[in-house]
Structure formats: C-alpha cells, structure tokens
C-alpha cells in the first residue's frame, strides 16, 4: 500500500488510512489529523455559508433592479 495514504493513530500508534474517520483499534476520531489540519478545516468551515449569503444578496439586488427599471 502507498505510504502517503497511511499514517499513525495519534492515540494508539496503529497504522491507519489517512482517510479513515475513526481508528479501528481505539476508536479515536480522525486519528491521523494534526492540529494544523484541524485549524485548516476550521478556517474553511464557514465558506459555504458565506457563498450562499453573497448569492442571495446578488439575486435580491438583481431582482430589485429589474423591478425598478420597469
């Protein structure tokens, strides 16, 4: 198996897939994620909400512009 796809569980040390959500031995959630990975995930957590708000705002502005021009 490719070594880039494997990592060690930070709790029990077992070699697990980097994509696994839980260590099969000890049950640690996201066993190979480092603190840097957690920070990166938190940083992008609100991006979809921001995109939705911007899209709705642009639709409202476009709709108001259409109504006012008639």
PDB file of N, CA and C in Angstrom:
ATOM      1  N   UNK A   1       0.844  -1.188   0.000  1.00  0.00           N
ATOM      2  CA  UNK A   1       0.000   0.000   0.000  1.00  0.00           C
ATOM      3  C   UNK A   1       0.886   1.246   0.000  1.00  0.00           C
ATOM      4  N   UNK A   2       0.453   2.296  -0.622  1.00  0.00           N
ATOM      5  CA  UNK A   2       1.214   3.531  -0.727  1.00  0.00           C
ATOM      6  C   UNK A   2       1.394   4.169   0.648  1.00  0.00           C
ATOM      7  N   UNK A   3       2.620   4.513   0.999  1.00  0.00           N
ATOM      8  CA  UNK A   3       2.922   5.092   2.315  1.00  0.00           C
ATOM      9  C   UNK A   3       2.268   6.460   2.512  1.00  0.00           C
ATOM     10  N   UNK A   4       2.002   7.196   1.415  1.00  0.00           N
ATOM     11  CA  UNK A   4       1.355   8.506   1.528  1.00  0.00           C
ATOM     12  C   UNK A   4      -0.085   8.385   2.005  1.00  0.00           C
ATOM     13  N   UNK A   5      -0.675   7.223   1.835  1.00  0.00           N
ATOM     14  CA  UNK A   5      -2.064   7.022   2.226  1.00  0.00           C
ATOM     15  C   UNK A   5      -2.205   6.546   3.669  1.00  0.00           C
ATOM     16  N   UNK A   6      -1.074   6.240   4.302  1.00  0.00           N
ATOM     17  CA  UNK A   6      -1.115   5.712   5.665  1.00  0.00           C
ATOM     18  C   UNK A   6      -0.522   6.698   6.657  1.00  0.00           C
ATOM     19  N   UNK A   7      -1.021   6.645   7.862  1.00  0.00           N
ATOM     20  CA  UNK A   7      -0.495   7.452   8.952  1.00  0.00           C
ATOM     21  C   UNK A   7      -0.669   6.692  10.252  1.00  0.00           C
ATOM     22  N   UNK A   8      -0.118   7.231  11.320  1.00  0.00           N
ATOM     23  CA  UNK A   8      -0.251   6.577  12.618  1.00  0.00           C
ATOM     24  C   UNK A   8      -1.338   7.247  13.423  1.00  0.00           C
ATOM     25  N   UNK A   9      -2.107   6.438  14.132  1.00  0.00           N
ATOM     26  CA  UNK A   9      -3.113   6.961  15.050  1.00  0.00           C
ATOM     27  C   UNK A   9      -2.380   7.717  16.156  1.00  0.00           C
ATOM     28  N   UNK A  10      -2.823   8.920  16.454  1.00  0.00           N
ATOM     29  CA  UNK A  10      -2.138   9.730  17.468  1.00  0.00           C
ATOM     30  C   UNK A  10      -2.386   9.214  18.885  1.00  0.00           C
ATOM     31  N   UNK A  11      -3.354   8.305  19.065  1.00  0.00           N
ATOM     32  CA  UNK A  11      -3.635   7.763  20.390  1.00  0.00           C
ATOM     33  C   UNK A  11      -2.944   6.421  20.624  1.00  0.00           C
ATOM     34  N   UNK A  12      -3.177   5.449  19.723  1.00  0.00           N
ATOM     35  CA  UNK A  12      -2.645   4.101  19.952  1.00  0.00           C
ATOM     36  C   UNK A  12      -1.425   3.770  19.107  1.00  0.00           C
ATOM     37  N   UNK A  13      -1.130   4.566  18.065  1.00  0.00           N
ATOM     38  CA  UNK A  13       0.051   4.332  17.244  1.00  0.00           C
ATOM     39  C   UNK A  13      -0.141   3.344  16.115  1.00  0.00           C
ATOM     40  N   UNK A  14      -1.328   2.768  15.953  1.00  0.00           N
ATOM     41  CA  UNK A  14      -1.578   1.811  14.889  1.00  0.00           C
ATOM     42  C   UNK A  14      -1.543   2.511  13.529  1.00  0.00           C
ATOM     43  N   UNK A  15      -1.062   1.824  12.513  1.00  0.00           N
ATOM     44  CA  UNK A  15      -1.013   2.366  11.163  1.00  0.00           C
ATOM     45  C   UNK A  15      -2.415   2.273  10.565  1.00  0.00           C
ATOM     46  N   UNK A  16      -2.961   3.444  10.155  1.00  0.00           N
ATOM     47  CA  UNK A  16      -4.319   3.510   9.608  1.00  0.00           C
ATOM     48  C   UNK A  16      -4.322   4.391   8.360  1.00  0.00           C
ATOM     49  N   UNK A  17      -5.373   4.283   7.580  1.00  0.00           N
ATOM     50  CA  UNK A  17      -5.550   5.117   6.402  1.00  0.00           C
ATOM     51  C   UNK A  17      -5.743   6.567   6.831  1.00  0.00           C
ATOM     52  N   UNK A  18      -5.185   7.503   6.069  1.00  0.00           N
ATOM     53  CA  UNK A  18      -5.362   8.927   6.376  1.00  0.00           C
ATOM     54  C   UNK A  18      -6.798   9.380   6.129  1.00  0.00           C
ATOM     55  N   UNK A  19      -7.566   8.606   5.379  1.00  0.00           N
ATOM     56  CA  UNK A  19      -8.945   8.977   5.061  1.00  0.00           C
ATOM     57  C   UNK A  19      -9.966   8.415   6.053  1.00  0.00           C
ATOM     58  N   UNK A  20      -9.525   7.571   6.963  1.00  0.00           N
ATOM     59  CA  UNK A  20     -10.466   6.956   7.894  1.00  0.00           C
ATOM     60  C   UNK A  20     -11.016   7.989   8.871  1.00  0.00           C
ATOM     61  N   UNK A  21     -12.252   7.833   9.258  1.00  0.00           N
ATOM     62  CA  UNK A  21     -12.885   8.762  10.191  1.00  0.00           C
ATOM     63  C   UNK A  21     -12.680   8.342  11.643  1.00  0.00           C
ATOM     64  N   UNK A  22     -12.313   7.079  11.852  1.00  0.00           N
ATOM     65  CA  UNK A  22     -12.154   6.572  13.211  1.00  0.00           C
ATOM     66  C   UNK A  22     -11.141   5.431  13.209  1.00  0.00           C
ATOM     67  N   UNK A  23     -10.281   5.407  14.225  1.00  0.00           N
ATOM     68  CA  UNK A  23      -9.305   4.317  14.338  1.00  0.00           C
ATOM     69  C   UNK A  23     -10.046   3.019  14.645  1.00  0.00           C
ATOM     70  N   UNK A  24      -9.792   1.959  13.878  1.00  0.00           N
ATOM     71  CA  UNK A  24     -10.487   0.696  14.125  1.00  0.00           C
ATOM     72  C   UNK A  24     -10.076   0.020  15.443  1.00  0.00           C
ATOM     73  N   UNK A  25      -8.908   0.383  15.971  1.00  0.00           N
ATOM     74  CA  UNK A  25      -8.443  -0.254  17.209  1.00  0.00           C
ATOM     75  C   UNK A  25      -8.945   0.474  18.461  1.00  0.00           C
ATOM     76  N   UNK A  26      -8.752   1.799  18.518  1.00  0.00           N
ATOM     77  CA  UNK A  26      -9.083   2.520  19.753  1.00  0.00           C
ATOM     78  C   UNK A  26     -10.300   3.434  19.629  1.00  0.00           C
ATOM     79  N   UNK A  27     -10.790   3.673  18.399  1.00  0.00           N
ATOM     80  CA  UNK A  27     -11.973   4.497  18.206  1.00  0.00           C
ATOM     81  C   UNK A  27     -11.714   5.990  18.171  1.00  0.00           C
ATOM     82  N   UNK A  28     -10.446   6.406  18.132  1.00  0.00           N
ATOM     83  CA  UNK A  28     -10.092   7.834  18.089  1.00  0.00           C
ATOM     84  C   UNK A  28     -10.662   8.464  16.811  1.00  0.00           C
ATOM     85  N   UNK A  29     -11.461   9.553  16.932  1.00  0.00           N
ATOM     86  CA  UNK A  29     -11.973  10.204  15.725  1.00  0.00           C
ATOM     87  C   UNK A  29     -10.853  10.923  14.979  1.00  0.00           C
ATOM     88  N   UNK A  30     -10.856  10.789  13.654  1.00  0.00           N
ATOM     89  CA  UNK A  30      -9.834  11.384  12.774  1.00  0.00           C
ATOM     90  C   UNK A  30      -8.426  11.159  13.346  1.00  0.00           C
ATOM     91  N   UNK A  31      -8.000   9.911  13.409  1.00  0.00           N
ATOM     92  CA  UNK A  31      -6.765   9.563  14.127  1.00  0.00           C
ATOM     93  C   UNK A  31      -5.471  10.136  13.552  1.00  0.00           C
ATOM     94  N   UNK A  32      -5.433  10.487  12.280  1.00  0.00           N
ATOM     95  CA  UNK A  32      -4.171  10.977  11.704  1.00  0.00           C
ATOM     96  C   UNK A  32      -4.161  12.486  11.522  1.00  0.00           C
ATOM     97  N   UNK A  33      -5.248  13.179  11.861  1.00  0.00           N
ATOM     98  CA  UNK A  33      -5.309  14.631  11.672  1.00  0.00           C
ATOM     99  C   UNK A  33      -4.470  15.334  12.731  1.00  0.00           C
ATOM    100  N   UNK A  34      -3.635  16.252  12.279  1.00  0.00           N
ATOM    101  CA  UNK A  34      -2.788  17.020  13.187  1.00  0.00           C
ATOM    102  C   UNK A  34      -3.499  18.310  13.582  1.00  0.00           C
ATOM    103  N   UNK A  35      -2.920  19.054  14.493  1.00  0.00           N
ATOM    104  CA  UNK A  35      -3.503  20.335  14.899  1.00  0.00           C
ATOM    105  C   UNK A  35      -3.559  21.296  13.720  1.00  0.00           C
ATOM    106  N   UNK A  36      -2.552  21.248  12.856  1.00  0.00           N
ATOM    107  CA  UNK A  36      -2.538  22.098  11.666  1.00  0.00           C
ATOM    108  C   UNK A  36      -3.715  21.754  10.761  1.00  0.00           C
ATOM    109  N   UNK A  37      -4.014  20.477  10.618  1.00  0.00           N
ATOM    110  CA  UNK A  37      -5.162  20.039   9.825  1.00  0.00           C
ATOM    111  C   UNK A  37      -6.471  20.502  10.423  1.00  0.00           C
ATOM    112  N   UNK A  38      -6.580  20.488  11.753  1.00  0.00           N
ATOM    113  CA  UNK A  38      -7.790  20.962  12.417  1.00  0.00           C
ATOM    114  C   UNK A  38      -7.996  22.447  12.173  1.00  0.00           C
ATOM    115  N   UNK A  39      -6.922  23.235  12.242  1.00  0.00           N
ATOM    116  CA  UNK A  39      -7.028  24.676  12.023  1.00  0.00           C
ATOM    117  C   UNK A  39      -7.450  24.972  10.584  1.00  0.00           C
ATOM    118  N   UNK A  40      -6.891  24.230   9.626  1.00  0.00           N
ATOM    119  CA  UNK A  40      -7.240  24.434   8.224  1.00  0.00           C
ATOM    120  C   UNK A  40      -8.719  24.128   8.010  1.00  0.00           C
ATOM    121  N   UNK A  41      -9.213  23.059   8.627  1.00  0.00           N
ATOM    122  CA  UNK A  41     -10.611  22.688   8.486  1.00  0.00           C
ATOM    123  C   UNK A  41     -11.516  23.771   9.075  1.00  0.00           C
ATOM    124  N   UNK A  42     -11.170  24.314  10.234  1.00  0.00           N
ATOM    125  CA  UNK A  42     -11.972  25.347  10.868  1.00  0.00           C
ATOM    126  C   UNK A  42     -12.006  26.607  10.018  1.00  0.00           C
ATOM    127  N   UNK A  43     -10.898  26.923   9.380  1.00  0.00           N
ATOM    128  CA  UNK A  43     -10.801  28.137   8.584  1.00  0.00           C
ATOM    129  C   UNK A  43     -11.779  28.106   7.410  1.00  0.00           C
ATOM    130  N   UNK A  44     -11.985  26.944   6.810  1.00  0.00           N
ATOM    131  CA  UNK A  44     -12.857  26.830   5.645  1.00  0.00           C
ATOM    132  C   UNK A  44     -14.268  26.375   6.001  1.00  0.00           C
ATOM    133  N   UNK A  45     -14.567  26.268   7.278  1.00  0.00           N
ATOM    134  CA  UNK A  45     -15.861  25.761   7.714  1.00  0.00           C
ATOM    135  C   UNK A  45     -17.003  26.684   7.311  1.00  0.00           C
ATOM    136  N   UNK A  46     -16.798  27.994   7.303  1.00  0.00           N
ATOM    137  CA  UNK A  46     -17.865  28.945   7.043  1.00  0.00           C
ATOM    138  C   UNK A  46     -17.929  29.399   5.589  1.00  0.00           C
ATOM    139  N   UNK A  47     -17.076  28.908   4.757  1.00  0.00           N
ATOM    140  CA  UNK A  47     -17.048  29.338   3.358  1.00  0.00           C
ATOM    141  C   UNK A  47     -18.370  29.063   2.628  1.00  0.00           C
ATOM    142  N   UNK A  48     -19.006  27.892   2.747  1.00  0.00           N
ATOM    143  CA  UNK A  48     -20.272  27.668   2.037  1.00  0.00           C
ATOM    144  C   UNK A  48     -21.373  28.633   2.494  1.00  0.00           C
ATOM    145  N   UNK A  49     -21.436  28.931   3.767  1.00  0.00           N
ATOM    146  CA  UNK A  49     -22.449  29.856   4.279  1.00  0.00           C
ATOM    147  C   UNK A  49     -22.225  31.239   3.681  1.00  0.00           C
ATOM    148  N   UNK A  50     -20.985  31.680   3.638  1.00  0.00           N
ATOM    149  CA  UNK A  50     -20.644  32.977   3.056  1.00  0.00           C
ATOM    150  C   UNK A  50     -21.054  33.021   1.585  1.00  0.00           C
ATOM    151  N   UNK A  51     -20.773  31.971   0.838  1.00  0.00           N
ATOM    152  CA  UNK A  51     -21.131  31.921  -0.582  1.00  0.00           C
ATOM    153  C   UNK A  51     -22.643  31.981  -0.784  1.00  0.00           C
ATOM    154  N   UNK A  52     -23.395  31.315   0.059  1.00  0.00           N
ATOM    155  CA  UNK A  52     -24.857  31.332  -0.045  1.00  0.00           C
ATOM    156  C   UNK A  52     -25.393  32.733   0.224  1.00  0.00           C
ATOM    157  N   UNK A  53     -24.869  33.404   1.248  1.00  0.00           N
ATOM    158  CA  UNK A  53     -25.320  34.758   1.580  1.00  0.00           C
ATOM    159  C   UNK A  53     -25.024  35.719   0.432  1.00  0.00           C
ATOM    160  N   UNK A  54     -23.843  35.646  -0.150  1.00  0.00           N
ATOM    161  CA  UNK A  54     -23.475  36.506  -1.272  1.00  0.00           C
ATOM    162  C   UNK A  54     -24.386  36.237  -2.470  1.00  0.00           C
ATOM    163  N   UNK A  55     -24.660  34.981  -2.761  1.00  0.00           N
ATOM    164  CA  UNK A  55     -25.523  34.623  -3.896  1.00  0.00           C
ATOM    165  C   UNK A  55     -26.929  35.176  -3.697  1.00  0.00           C
ATOM    166  N   UNK A  56     -27.488  35.007  -2.519  1.00  0.00           N
ATOM    167  CA  UNK A  56     -28.827  35.524  -2.242  1.00  0.00           C
ATOM    168  C   UNK A  56     -28.838  37.044  -2.364  1.00  0.00           C
ATOM    169  N   UNK A  57     -27.814  37.701  -1.833  1.00  0.00           N
ATOM    170  CA  UNK A  57     -27.721  39.155  -1.937  1.00  0.00           C
ATOM    171  C   UNK A  57     -27.693  39.621  -3.375  1.00  0.00           C
ATOM    172  N   UNK A  58     -26.911  38.958  -4.208  1.00  0.00           N
ATOM    173  CA  UNK A  58     -26.842  39.345  -5.624  1.00  0.00           C
ATOM    174  C   UNK A  58     -28.169  39.105  -6.339  1.00  0.00           C
ATOM    175  N   UNK A  59     -28.855  38.024  -6.000  1.00  0.00           N
ATOM    176  CA  UNK A  59     -30.168  37.766  -6.601  1.00  0.00           C
ATOM    177  C   UNK A  59     -31.173  38.838  -6.204  1.00  0.00           C
ATOM    178  N   UNK A  60     -31.156  39.247  -4.939  1.00  0.00           N
ATOM    179  CA  UNK A  60     -32.067  40.289  -4.471  1.00  0.00           C
ATOM    180  C   UNK A  60     -31.764  41.609  -5.177  1.00  0.00           C
ATOM    181  N   UNK A  61     -30.506  41.977  -5.285  1.00  0.00           N
ATOM    182  CA  UNK A  61     -30.132  43.224  -5.972  1.00  0.00           C
ATOM    183  C   UNK A  61     -30.562  43.170  -7.445  1.00  0.00           C
ATOM    184  N   UNK A  62     -30.350  42.044  -8.091  1.00  0.00           N
ATOM    185  CA  UNK A  62     -30.767  41.893  -9.482  1.00  0.00           C
ATOM    186  C   UNK A  62     -32.273  41.990  -9.636  1.00  0.00           C
ATOM    187  N   UNK A  63     -33.009  41.373  -8.729  1.00  0.00           N
ATOM    188  CA  UNK A  63     -34.476  41.407  -8.773  1.00  0.00           C
ATOM    189  C   UNK A  63     -34.987  42.822  -8.541  1.00  0.00           C
ATOM    190  N   UNK A  64     -34.394  43.536  -7.568  1.00  0.00           N
ATOM    191  CA  UNK A  64     -34.798  44.911  -7.312  1.00  0.00           C
ATOM    192  C   UNK A  64     -34.472  45.818  -8.505  1.00  0.00           C
ATOM    193  N   UNK A  65     -33.348  45.583  -9.136  1.00  0.00           N
ATOM    194  CA  UNK A  65     -33.001  46.349 -10.329  1.00  0.00           C
ATOM    195  C   UNK A  65     -33.966  46.104 -11.465  1.00  0.00           C
ATOM    196  N   UNK A  66     -34.430  44.883 -11.602  1.00  0.00           N
ATOM    197  CA  UNK A  66     -35.393  44.533 -12.639  1.00  0.00           C
ATOM    198  C   UNK A  66     -36.734  45.197 -12.377  1.00  0.00           C
ATOM    199  N   UNK A  67     -37.164  45.206 -11.130  1.00  0.00           N
ATOM    200  CA  UNK A  67     -38.441  45.818 -10.764  1.00  0.00           C
ATOM    201  C   UNK A  67     -38.390  47.335 -10.952  1.00  0.00           C
ATOM    202  N   UNK A  68     -37.311  47.964 -10.543  1.00  0.00           N
ATOM    203  CA  UNK A  68     -37.185  49.428 -10.621  1.00  0.00           C
ATOM    204  C   UNK A  68     -37.067  49.924 -12.052  1.00  0.00           C
ATOM    205  N   UNK A  69     -36.565  49.101 -12.975  1.00  0.00           N
ATOM    206  CA  UNK A  69     -36.378  49.534 -14.359  1.00  0.00           C
ATOM    207  C   UNK A  69     -37.680  49.442 -15.170  1.00  0.00           C
ATOM    208  N   UNK A  70     -38.682  48.782 -14.643  1.00  0.00           N
ATOM    209  CA  UNK A  70     -39.954  48.613 -15.381  1.00  0.00           C
ATOM    210  C   UNK A  70     -40.824  49.814 -15.195  1.00  0.00           C
TER     211      UNK A  70
END
